C-alpha atoms as a PDB file:
ATOM      1  CA  MET A   1       0.000   0.000   0.000  1.00  0.00           C
ATOM      2  CA  HIS A   2       2.597   2.466  -1.153  1.00  0.00           C
ATOM      3  CA  LEU A   3       0.120   5.316  -1.826  1.00  0.00           C
ATOM      4  CA  VAL A   4      -1.536   5.294   1.575  1.00  0.00           C
ATOM      5  CA  PRO A   5      -0.304   8.238   3.663  1.00  0.00           C
ATOM      6  CA  THR A   6       1.647   7.202   6.746  1.00  0.00           C
ATOM      7  CA  GLU A   7      -1.010   8.611   9.081  1.00  0.00           C
ATOM      8  CA  ARG A   8      -3.486   6.070   7.622  1.00  0.00           C
ATOM      9  CA  ASP A   9      -1.280   3.038   6.994  1.00  0.00           C
ATOM     10  CA  HIS A  10      -2.305   1.405  10.292  1.00  0.00           C
ATOM     11  CA  ARG A  11      -5.933   1.167   9.174  1.00  0.00           C
ATOM     12  CA  PRO A  12      -7.241  -2.141   7.795  1.00  0.00           C
ATOM     13  CA  ALA A  13      -7.829  -2.733   4.091  1.00  0.00           C
ATOM     14  CA  ILE A  14      -9.584  -5.522   2.216  1.00  0.00           C
ATOM     15  CA  ASP A  15      -7.942  -5.072  -1.200  1.00  0.00           C
ATOM     16  CA  HIS A  16      -4.703  -3.122  -0.958  1.00  0.00           C
ATOM     17  CA  HIS A  17      -4.380  -2.679  -4.721  1.00  0.00           C
ATOM     18  CA  ARG A  18      -7.895  -1.178  -4.890  1.00  0.00           C
ATOM     19  CA  VAL A  19      -7.013   1.270  -2.136  1.00  0.00           C
ATOM     20  CA  CYS A  20      -3.976   2.403  -4.136  1.00  0.00           C
ATOM     21  CA  ASN A  21      -6.062   2.674  -7.318  1.00  0.00           C
ATOM     22  CA  ALA A  22      -8.653   4.742  -5.457  1.00  0.00           C
ATOM     23  CA  ILE A  23      -6.006   7.072  -4.013  1.00  0.00           C
ATOM     24  CA  GLU A  24      -4.429   7.429  -7.458  1.00  0.00           C
ATOM     25  CA  ALA A  25      -7.810   8.438  -8.902  1.00  0.00           C
ATOM     26  CA  LEU A  26      -8.052  11.335  -6.439  1.00  0.00           C
ATOM     27  CA  GLY A  27      -4.918  12.968  -7.796  1.00  0.00           C
ATOM     28  CA  GLU A  28      -3.586  16.146  -6.237  1.00  0.00           C
ATOM     29  CA  PRO A  29      -5.823  17.863  -3.647  1.00  0.00           C
ATOM     30  CA  GLU A  30      -5.849  21.123  -5.646  1.00  0.00           C
ATOM     31  CA  HIS A  31      -7.244  19.259  -8.670  1.00  0.00           C
ATOM     32  CA  LEU A  32     -10.037  17.874  -6.525  1.00  0.00           C
ATOM     33  CA  THR A  33     -10.776  21.392  -5.284  1.00  0.00           C
ATOM     34  CA  ALA A  34     -10.850  22.713  -8.867  1.00  0.00           C
ATOM     35  CA  TRP A  35     -13.300  20.002  -9.934  1.00  0.00           C
ATOM     36  CA  ALA A  36     -15.539  20.707  -6.946  1.00  0.00           C
ATOM     37  CA  ALA A  37     -15.529  24.408  -7.877  1.00  0.00           C
ATOM     38  CA  ARG A  38     -16.567  23.568 -11.458  1.00  0.00           C
ATOM     39  CA  PHE A  39     -19.440  21.413 -10.246  1.00  0.00           C
ATOM     40  CA  SER A  40     -20.420  24.147  -7.801  1.00  0.00           C
ATOM     41  CA  LEU A  41     -20.844  26.521 -10.759  1.00  0.00           C
ATOM     42  CA  LEU A  42     -23.090  23.970 -12.437  1.00  0.00           C
ATOM     43  CA  SER A  43     -25.175  23.296  -9.316  1.00  0.00           C
ATOM     44  CA  ASP A  44     -27.243  26.480  -9.614  1.00  0.00           C
ATOM     45  CA  PRO A  45     -30.023  26.213 -12.257  1.00  0.00           C
ATOM     46  CA  SER A  46     -29.629  29.869 -13.324  1.00  0.00           C
ATOM     47  CA  ARG A  47     -25.866  29.598 -13.810  1.00  0.00           C
ATOM     48  CA  LEU A  48     -26.297  26.271 -15.563  1.00  0.00           C
ATOM     49  CA  ALA A  49     -28.864  27.809 -17.914  1.00  0.00           C
ATOM     50  CA  LEU A  50     -26.516  30.711 -18.683  1.00  0.00           C
ATOM     51  CA  LEU A  51     -23.590  28.384 -19.311  1.00  0.00           C
ATOM     52  CA  LEU A  52     -25.644  26.135 -21.594  1.00  0.00           C
ATOM     53  CA  CYS A  53     -26.813  29.163 -23.582  1.00  0.00           C
ATOM     54  CA  ILE A  54     -23.285  30.550 -23.845  1.00  0.00           C
ATOM     55  CA  ARG A  55     -21.943  27.160 -24.929  1.00  0.00           C
ATOM     56  CA  HIS A  56     -24.526  26.844 -27.655  1.00  0.00           C
ATOM     57  CA  ALA A  57     -24.987  30.443 -28.844  1.00  0.00           C
ATOM     58  CA  GLY A  58     -21.973  32.367 -27.535  1.00  0.00           C
ATOM     59  CA  PRO A  59     -20.454  34.878 -27.780  1.00  0.00           C
ATOM     60  CA  ILE A  60     -23.686  36.412 -26.501  1.00  0.00           C
ATOM     61  CA  SER A  61     -24.678  39.594 -24.662  1.00  0.00           C
ATOM     62  CA  VAL A  62     -26.253  39.970 -21.221  1.00  0.00           C
ATOM     63  CA  THR A  63     -29.450  41.289 -22.787  1.00  0.00           C
ATOM     64  CA  ASP A  64     -29.751  38.270 -25.082  1.00  0.00           C
ATOM     65  CA  LEU A  65     -28.928  35.841 -22.279  1.00  0.00           C
ATOM     66  CA  ALA A  66     -31.564  37.418 -20.036  1.00  0.00           C
ATOM     67  CA  LEU A  67     -34.139  37.105 -22.813  1.00  0.00           C
ATOM     68  CA  ALA A  68     -33.166  33.508 -23.625  1.00  0.00           C
ATOM     69  CA  THR A  69     -33.202  32.287 -20.018  1.00  0.00           C
ATOM     70  CA  GLY A  70     -36.046  34.393 -18.634  1.00  0.00           C
ATOM     71  CA  ILE A  71     -33.747  35.651 -15.873  1.00  0.00           C
ATOM     72  CA  ASN A  72     -33.865  39.406 -15.277  1.00  0.00           C
ATOM     73  CA  ALA A  73     -30.884  41.373 -16.599  1.00  0.00           C
ATOM     74  CA  THR A  74     -29.545  42.347 -13.157  1.00  0.00           C
ATOM     75  CA  THR A  75     -29.503  38.748 -11.932  1.00  0.00           C
ATOM     76  CA  THR A  76     -27.968  37.654 -15.235  1.00  0.00           C
ATOM     77  CA  SER A  77     -25.196  40.254 -14.870  1.00  0.00           C
ATOM     78  CA  GLN A  78     -24.475  39.184 -11.289  1.00  0.00           C
ATOM     79  CA  ALA A  79     -24.287  35.512 -12.264  1.00  0.00           C
ATOM     80  CA  LEU A  80     -22.014  36.327 -15.205  1.00  0.00           C
ATOM     81  CA  ARG A  81     -19.717  38.322 -12.942  1.00  0.00           C
ATOM     82  CA  LEU A  82     -19.380  35.277 -10.671  1.00  0.00           C
ATOM     83  CA  LEU A  83     -18.743  33.031 -13.691  1.00  0.00           C
ATOM     84  CA  ARG A  84     -16.106  35.457 -14.985  1.00  0.00           C
ATOM     85  CA  VAL A  85     -14.304  35.631 -11.620  1.00  0.00           C
ATOM     86  CA  ALA A  86     -14.340  31.812 -11.510  1.00  0.00           C
ATOM     87  CA  GLY A  87     -12.707  31.689 -14.947  1.00  0.00           C
ATOM     88  CA  ALA A  88     -15.661  29.938 -16.568  1.00  0.00           C
ATOM     89  CA  VAL A  89     -16.389  32.734 -19.053  1.00  0.00           C
ATOM     90  CA  THR A  90     -14.535  35.602 -20.680  1.00  0.00           C
ATOM     91  CA  THR A  91     -15.778  38.771 -22.305  1.00  0.00           C
ATOM     92  CA  ALA A  92     -15.206  40.431 -25.624  1.00  0.00           C
ATOM     93  CA  ARG A  93     -16.242  44.031 -26.216  1.00  0.00           C
ATOM     94  CA  GLU A  94     -17.811  45.096 -29.501  1.00  0.00           C
ATOM     95  CA  GLY A  95     -18.327  48.836 -29.123  1.00  0.00           C
ATOM     96  CA  ARG A  96     -20.799  49.223 -26.251  1.00  0.00           C
ATOM     97  CA  ILE A  97     -21.807  45.558 -26.286  1.00  0.00           C
ATOM     98  CA  ILE A  98     -20.032  43.001 -24.118  1.00  0.00           C
ATOM     99  CA  ARG A  99     -20.392  39.410 -25.219  1.00  0.00           C
ATOM    100  CA  TYR A 100     -19.713  36.348 -23.071  1.00  0.00           C
ATOM    101  CA  GLN A 101     -18.083  33.121 -24.175  1.00  0.00           C
ATOM    102  CA  LEU A 102     -16.884  29.990 -22.414  1.00  0.00           C
ATOM    103  CA  ALA A 103     -13.281  30.126 -21.237  1.00  0.00           C
ATOM    104  CA  ASP A 104     -12.973  26.753 -19.494  1.00  0.00           C
ATOM    105  CA  GLU A 105     -12.553  23.869 -21.962  1.00  0.00           C
ATOM    106  CA  THR A 106     -13.369  21.325 -19.265  1.00  0.00           C
ATOM    107  CA  LEU A 107     -16.686  23.066 -18.585  1.00  0.00           C
ATOM    108  CA  HIS A 108     -17.330  23.144 -22.329  1.00  0.00           C
ATOM    109  CA  THR A 109     -16.855  19.368 -22.473  1.00  0.00           C
ATOM    110  CA  LEU A 110     -19.048  18.800 -19.402  1.00  0.00           C
ATOM    111  CA  LEU A 111     -21.809  21.006 -20.808  1.00  0.00           C
ATOM    112  CA  THR A 112     -21.620  19.314 -24.186  1.00  0.00           C
ATOM    113  CA  THR A 113     -21.876  15.891 -22.583  1.00  0.00           C
ATOM    114  CA  ALA A 114     -24.659  16.848 -20.169  1.00  0.00           C
ATOM    115  CA  SER A 115     -26.614  19.136 -22.494  1.00  0.00           C
ATOM    116  CA  PRO A 116     -30.314  18.307 -22.850  1.00  0.00           C
ATOM    117  CA  ILE A 117     -29.851  18.754 -26.599  1.00  0.00           C
ATOM    118  CA  GLN A 118     -26.905  17.469 -28.565  1.00  0.00           C
ATOM    119  CA  LEU A 119     -26.412  20.182 -31.169  1.00  0.00           C
ATOM    120  CA  THR A 120     -23.178  21.654 -32.402  1.00  0.00           C
ATOM    121  CA  PRO A 121     -22.610  25.336 -31.548  1.00  0.00           C
ATOM    122  CA  ARG A 122     -23.462  27.893 -34.189  1.00  0.00           C
ATOM    123  CA  ASP A 123     -20.667  29.976 -35.687  1.00  0.00           C
END
């Protein structure tokens, strides 16, 4: 049981190789934290709706996202700010219009896999 930390090596195990495989699957603690943060972003229905819309239709403006999701513009802006700080989306300015697009490729893959519709994004 070479992967078991020394503070736990006194504890019993049934299948030592499975314990090592399980520990290996966890990877580095910071990776686990990053994955939990991604899933946290997806756990809110409003944020999930915004991310799905951005994945499929982005780059897209706050006004258009609010219309598409039925979420008021202020709430949409607040959710997008959180998504931007988390690194999930980025912005691109076109004159006075700011458009949002996905920045996290892992989130893009998750959203594509979990999307209720399996369409390719429009260009």
